[in-house]
Amino acid sequence: QVQLVESGGGLVQAGGSLRLSCAASGRPFSNYDMAWFRQAPGKEREFVAAISWSGGSTLYADSVKGRFAVSRDNAKNTAYLQMNSLKPEDTAVYFCATGIPGGRNYYARAGAYDYWGQGTQVTVSS
C-alpha cells in the first residue's frame, strides 16, 4: 500500500521560511514524479510545484516561482518543498502527491496523481 506522509508545516511570520517533507513508502519511489498542491479555506486545491522521477525536470506555479524550491532524495524516498519569503496568501494545507502524469505538460493536473498525503498546515502571519 502506497503511503505519503507530509511533515514540516507550522506557523511562521511573513518573510520567513519552512521546509516541507513528504516521505513515501509502498512502491519504488524513484519511478514516479512528485508534486505539491495546496488548498486554502474556501478555495479549490491548486498546484504548487512538481519534480520528475529523476529530479531533472521541475515546474512551479507562477505564484511561488522564485520563492519555493522542490527537490527529492530518491535514496531516502523523500520529496521536499523549501518555502522562502512566505506571504500570508501562502497559508493553506499542503499536500504531496505521486504518480506518472505523462510529461511536464501534465504536472499541474491533480487528476494525474494516484496517491496523496494527508496534508500539513502552513500558516503565515502578517
Foldseek 3Di string as FASTA:
>chain_A
DKAWAKDWADEEAAQAKIKMKIAIDDDQLLQKKKFKWWDDPPGDIWGAKIAGSVRPDMDGDPVQPPFWDWGDDSVRRMIMIIGGRDDQVVWTWMKMFIACQPDPVRRGPPVRTDDMHPTDTHGYHD
